[in-house]
Amino acid sequence: MQKRNWERGATAVEYGIMVALIAAVIVTGVTVLGAGTQDMFTPVSNFFASLHP
């Protein structure tokens, strides 16, 4: 019974590490894509800003 609880704790730690890595990948992807798409939407933003000052 003792070994089973230890294995369950190790599994929880492994899931926590996986979630942290997935979150890091998502943050990195959003940062990279956000910087790339900012230039793409600047003309659209300027267009709408000129319509309604």
PDB file of N, CA and C in Angstrom:
ATOM      1  N   MET A   1       0.819  -1.186   0.000  1.00  0.00           N
ATOM      2  CA  MET A   1       0.000   0.000   0.000  1.00  0.00           C
ATOM      3  C   MET A   1       0.866   1.256   0.000  1.00  0.00           C
ATOM      4  N   GLN A   2       1.975   1.217   0.706  1.00  0.00           N
ATOM      5  CA  GLN A   2       2.864   2.385   0.795  1.00  0.00           C
ATOM      6  C   GLN A   2       3.457   2.707  -0.579  1.00  0.00           C
ATOM      7  N   LYS A   3       3.861   1.679  -1.311  1.00  0.00           N
ATOM      8  CA  LYS A   3       4.475   1.891  -2.611  1.00  0.00           C
ATOM      9  C   LYS A   3       3.482   2.514  -3.585  1.00  0.00           C
ATOM     10  N   ARG A   4       2.260   2.141  -3.497  1.00  0.00           N
ATOM     11  CA  ARG A   4       1.230   2.651  -4.413  1.00  0.00           C
ATOM     12  C   ARG A   4       1.018   4.151  -4.208  1.00  0.00           C
ATOM     13  N   ASN A   5       1.002   4.619  -2.978  1.00  0.00           N
ATOM     14  CA  ASN A   5       0.859   6.047  -2.718  1.00  0.00           C
ATOM     15  C   ASN A   5       2.067   6.815  -3.244  1.00  0.00           C
ATOM     16  N   TRP A   6       3.247   6.240  -3.132  1.00  0.00           N
ATOM     17  CA  TRP A   6       4.452   6.896  -3.633  1.00  0.00           C
ATOM     18  C   TRP A   6       4.383   7.036  -5.150  1.00  0.00           C
ATOM     19  N   GLU A   7       3.912   5.978  -5.819  1.00  0.00           N
ATOM     20  CA  GLU A   7       3.790   6.027  -7.276  1.00  0.00           C
ATOM     21  C   GLU A   7       2.768   7.069  -7.699  1.00  0.00           C
ATOM     22  N   ARG A   8       1.731   7.211  -6.946  1.00  0.00           N
ATOM     23  CA  ARG A   8       0.710   8.203  -7.266  1.00  0.00           C
ATOM     24  C   ARG A   8       1.272   9.617  -7.126  1.00  0.00           C
ATOM     25  N   GLY A   9       2.085   9.855  -6.108  1.00  0.00           N
ATOM     26  CA  GLY A   9       2.728  11.155  -5.925  1.00  0.00           C
ATOM     27  C   GLY A   9       3.704  11.458  -7.042  1.00  0.00           C
ATOM     28  N   ALA A  10       4.439  10.454  -7.472  1.00  0.00           N
ATOM     29  CA  ALA A  10       5.386  10.654  -8.570  1.00  0.00           C
ATOM     30  C   ALA A  10       4.638  10.987  -9.854  1.00  0.00           C
ATOM     31  N   THR A  11       3.515  10.353 -10.068  1.00  0.00           N
ATOM     32  CA  THR A  11       2.724  10.635 -11.258  1.00  0.00           C
ATOM     33  C   THR A  11       2.208  12.065 -11.237  1.00  0.00           C
ATOM     34  N   ALA A  12       1.787  12.545 -10.072  1.00  0.00           N
ATOM     35  CA  ALA A  12       1.306  13.915  -9.958  1.00  0.00           C
ATOM     36  C   ALA A  12       2.427  14.902 -10.265  1.00  0.00           C
ATOM     37  N   VAL A  13       3.630  14.608  -9.818  1.00  0.00           N
ATOM     38  CA  VAL A  13       4.775  15.473 -10.111  1.00  0.00           C
ATOM     39  C   VAL A  13       5.063  15.468 -11.607  1.00  0.00           C
ATOM     40  N   GLU A  14       5.003  14.313 -12.222  1.00  0.00           N
ATOM     41  CA  GLU A  14       5.254  14.221 -13.660  1.00  0.00           C
ATOM     42  C   GLU A  14       4.206  15.008 -14.448  1.00  0.00           C
ATOM     43  N   TYR A  15       2.944  14.909 -14.052  1.00  0.00           N
ATOM     44  CA  TYR A  15       1.902  15.688 -14.722  1.00  0.00           C
ATOM     45  C   TYR A  15       2.132  17.186 -14.520  1.00  0.00           C
ATOM     46  N   GLY A  16       2.578  17.571 -13.355  1.00  0.00           N
ATOM     47  CA  GLY A  16       2.867  18.980 -13.090  1.00  0.00           C
ATOM     48  C   GLY A  16       3.988  19.496 -13.977  1.00  0.00           C
ATOM     49  N   ILE A  17       5.010  18.689 -14.174  1.00  0.00           N
ATOM     50  CA  ILE A  17       6.113  19.075 -15.055  1.00  0.00           C
ATOM     51  C   ILE A  17       5.624  19.184 -16.500  1.00  0.00           C
ATOM     52  N   MET A  18       4.801  18.237 -16.924  1.00  0.00           N
ATOM     53  CA  MET A  18       4.271  18.293 -18.291  1.00  0.00           C
ATOM     54  C   MET A  18       3.416  19.538 -18.503  1.00  0.00           C
ATOM     55  N   VAL A  19       2.578  19.872 -17.534  1.00  0.00           N
ATOM     56  CA  VAL A  19       1.742  21.062 -17.648  1.00  0.00           C
ATOM     57  C   VAL A  19       2.602  22.317 -17.707  1.00  0.00           C
ATOM     58  N   ALA A  20       3.649  22.380 -16.923  1.00  0.00           N
ATOM     59  CA  ALA A  20       4.550  23.539 -16.946  1.00  0.00           C
ATOM     60  C   ALA A  20       5.240  23.664 -18.295  1.00  0.00           C
ATOM     61  N   LEU A  21       5.678  22.562 -18.875  1.00  0.00           N
ATOM     62  CA  LEU A  21       6.324  22.602 -20.187  1.00  0.00           C
ATOM     63  C   LEU A  21       5.350  23.017 -21.279  1.00  0.00           C
ATOM     64  N   ILE A  22       4.130  22.508 -21.222  1.00  0.00           N
ATOM     65  CA  ILE A  22       3.115  22.891 -22.206  1.00  0.00           C
ATOM     66  C   ILE A  22       2.803  24.378 -22.093  1.00  0.00           C
ATOM     67  N   ALA A  23       2.698  24.881 -20.867  1.00  0.00           N
ATOM     68  CA  ALA A  23       2.444  26.309 -20.671  1.00  0.00           C
ATOM     69  C   ALA A  23       3.588  27.147 -21.226  1.00  0.00           C
ATOM     70  N   ALA A  24       4.821  26.700 -21.032  1.00  0.00           N
ATOM     71  CA  ALA A  24       5.973  27.436 -21.556  1.00  0.00           C
ATOM     72  C   ALA A  24       5.953  27.471 -23.081  1.00  0.00           C
ATOM     73  N   VAL A  25       5.582  26.362 -23.702  1.00  0.00           N
ATOM     74  CA  VAL A  25       5.498  26.314 -25.166  1.00  0.00           C
ATOM     75  C   VAL A  25       4.400  27.244 -25.668  1.00  0.00           C
ATOM     76  N   ILE A  26       3.260  27.272 -24.983  1.00  0.00           N
ATOM     77  CA  ILE A  26       2.166  28.149 -25.389  1.00  0.00           C
ATOM     78  C   ILE A  26       2.567  29.614 -25.263  1.00  0.00           C
ATOM     79  N   VAL A  27       3.191  29.976 -24.158  1.00  0.00           N
ATOM     80  CA  VAL A  27       3.617  31.367 -23.955  1.00  0.00           C
ATOM     81  C   VAL A  27       4.636  31.762 -25.022  1.00  0.00           C
ATOM     82  N   THR A  28       5.579  30.884 -25.317  1.00  0.00           N
ATOM     83  CA  THR A  28       6.577  31.176 -26.342  1.00  0.00           C
ATOM     84  C   THR A  28       5.923  31.347 -27.712  1.00  0.00           C
ATOM     85  N   GLY A  29       5.003  30.463 -28.040  1.00  0.00           N
ATOM     86  CA  GLY A  29       4.308  30.551 -29.331  1.00  0.00           C
ATOM     87  C   GLY A  29       3.495  31.815 -29.470  1.00  0.00           C
ATOM     88  N   VAL A  30       2.771  32.183 -28.434  1.00  0.00           N
ATOM     89  CA  VAL A  30       1.964  33.400 -28.478  1.00  0.00           C
ATOM     90  C   VAL A  30       2.856  34.629 -28.599  1.00  0.00           C
ATOM     91  N   THR A  31       3.973  34.623 -27.914  1.00  0.00           N
ATOM     92  CA  THR A  31       4.900  35.750 -27.983  1.00  0.00           C
ATOM     93  C   THR A  31       5.460  35.900 -29.394  1.00  0.00           C
ATOM     94  N   VAL A  32       5.883  34.802 -29.984  1.00  0.00           N
ATOM     95  CA  VAL A  32       6.459  34.845 -31.329  1.00  0.00           C
ATOM     96  C   VAL A  32       5.398  35.245 -32.353  1.00  0.00           C
ATOM     97  N   LEU A  33       4.234  34.630 -32.287  1.00  0.00           N
ATOM     98  CA  LEU A  33       3.178  34.951 -33.243  1.00  0.00           C
ATOM     99  C   LEU A  33       2.639  36.354 -33.038  1.00  0.00           C
ATOM    100  N   GLY A  34       2.577  36.801 -31.799  1.00  0.00           N
ATOM    101  CA  GLY A  34       2.094  38.146 -31.521  1.00  0.00           C
ATOM    102  C   GLY A  34       2.993  39.206 -32.120  1.00  0.00           C
ATOM    103  N   ALA A  35       4.282  39.006 -32.022  1.00  0.00           N
ATOM    104  CA  ALA A  35       5.227  39.965 -32.596  1.00  0.00           C
ATOM    105  C   ALA A  35       5.131  39.948 -34.120  1.00  0.00           C
ATOM    106  N   GLY A  36       4.922  38.790 -34.702  1.00  0.00           N
ATOM    107  CA  GLY A  36       4.823  38.684 -36.155  1.00  0.00           C
ATOM    108  C   GLY A  36       3.541  39.243 -36.716  1.00  0.00           C
ATOM    109  N   THR A  37       2.457  39.104 -36.008  1.00  0.00           N
ATOM    110  CA  THR A  37       1.172  39.578 -36.518  1.00  0.00           C
ATOM    111  C   THR A  37       0.907  41.036 -36.190  1.00  0.00           C
ATOM    112  N   GLN A  38       1.666  41.622 -35.306  1.00  0.00           N
ATOM    113  CA  GLN A  38       1.461  43.023 -34.961  1.00  0.00           C
ATOM    114  C   GLN A  38       1.657  43.906 -36.190  1.00  0.00           C
ATOM    115  N   ASP A  39       2.690  43.643 -36.963  1.00  0.00           N
ATOM    116  CA  ASP A  39       2.947  44.420 -38.172  1.00  0.00           C
ATOM    117  C   ASP A  39       1.849  44.219 -39.211  1.00  0.00           C
ATOM    118  N   MET A  40       1.241  43.059 -39.201  1.00  0.00           N
ATOM    119  CA  MET A  40       0.206  42.763 -40.172  1.00  0.00           C
ATOM    120  C   MET A  40      -1.076  43.549 -39.884  1.00  0.00           C
ATOM    121  N   PHE A  41      -1.384  43.811 -38.618  1.00  0.00           N
ATOM    122  CA  PHE A  41      -2.625  44.477 -38.266  1.00  0.00           C
ATOM    123  C   PHE A  41      -2.477  45.980 -38.052  1.00  0.00           C
ATOM    124  N   THR A  42      -1.274  46.504 -38.108  1.00  0.00           N
ATOM    125  CA  THR A  42      -1.072  47.945 -37.931  1.00  0.00           C
ATOM    126  C   THR A  42      -1.793  48.758 -39.002  1.00  0.00           C
ATOM    127  N   PRO A  43      -1.732  48.388 -40.286  1.00  0.00           N
ATOM    128  CA  PRO A  43      -2.482  49.162 -41.284  1.00  0.00           C
ATOM    129  C   PRO A  43      -3.999  49.132 -41.055  1.00  0.00           C
ATOM    130  N   VAL A  44      -4.520  48.012 -40.605  1.00  0.00           N
ATOM    131  CA  VAL A  44      -5.947  47.905 -40.328  1.00  0.00           C
ATOM    132  C   VAL A  44      -6.316  48.832 -39.178  1.00  0.00           C
ATOM    133  N   SER A  45      -5.503  48.840 -38.152  1.00  0.00           N
ATOM    134  CA  SER A  45      -5.743  49.718 -37.014  1.00  0.00           C
ATOM    135  C   SER A  45      -5.687  51.177 -37.433  1.00  0.00           C
ATOM    136  N   ASN A  46      -4.723  51.524 -38.232  1.00  0.00           N
ATOM    137  CA  ASN A  46      -4.604  52.914 -38.699  1.00  0.00           C
ATOM    138  C   ASN A  46      -5.808  53.309 -39.552  1.00  0.00           C
ATOM    139  N   PHE A  47      -6.294  52.390 -40.365  1.00  0.00           N
ATOM    140  CA  PHE A  47      -7.467  52.664 -41.202  1.00  0.00           C
ATOM    141  C   PHE A  47      -8.680  52.987 -40.339  1.00  0.00           C
ATOM    142  N   PHE A  48      -8.950  52.175 -39.342  1.00  0.00           N
ATOM    143  CA  PHE A  48     -10.118  52.415 -38.496  1.00  0.00           C
ATOM    144  C   PHE A  48      -9.934  53.657 -37.620  1.00  0.00           C
ATOM    145  N   ALA A  49      -8.713  53.955 -37.253  1.00  0.00           N
ATOM    146  CA  ALA A  49      -8.457  55.161 -36.472  1.00  0.00           C
ATOM    147  C   ALA A  49      -8.703  56.404 -37.320  1.00  0.00           C
ATOM    148  N   SER A  50      -8.444  56.323 -38.599  1.00  0.00           N
ATOM    149  CA  SER A  50      -8.669  57.483 -39.460  1.00  0.00           C
ATOM    150  C   SER A  50     -10.155  57.695 -39.756  1.00  0.00           C
ATOM    151  N   LEU A  51     -10.958  56.656 -39.639  1.00  0.00           N
ATOM    152  CA  LEU A  51     -12.395  56.796 -39.883  1.00  0.00           C
ATOM    153  C   LEU A  51     -13.105  57.550 -38.769  1.00  0.00           C
ATOM    154  N   HIS A  52     -12.679  57.325 -37.564  1.00  0.00           N
ATOM    155  CA  HIS A  52     -13.354  57.935 -36.418  1.00  0.00           C
ATOM    156  C   HIS A  52     -12.306  58.525 -35.477  1.00  0.00           C
ATOM    157  N   PRO A  53     -11.972  59.806 -35.692  1.00  0.00           N
ATOM    158  CA  PRO A  53     -10.916  60.402 -34.866  1.00  0.00           C
ATOM    159  C   PRO A  53     -11.307  60.640 -33.425  1.00  0.00           C
TER     160      PRO A  53
END
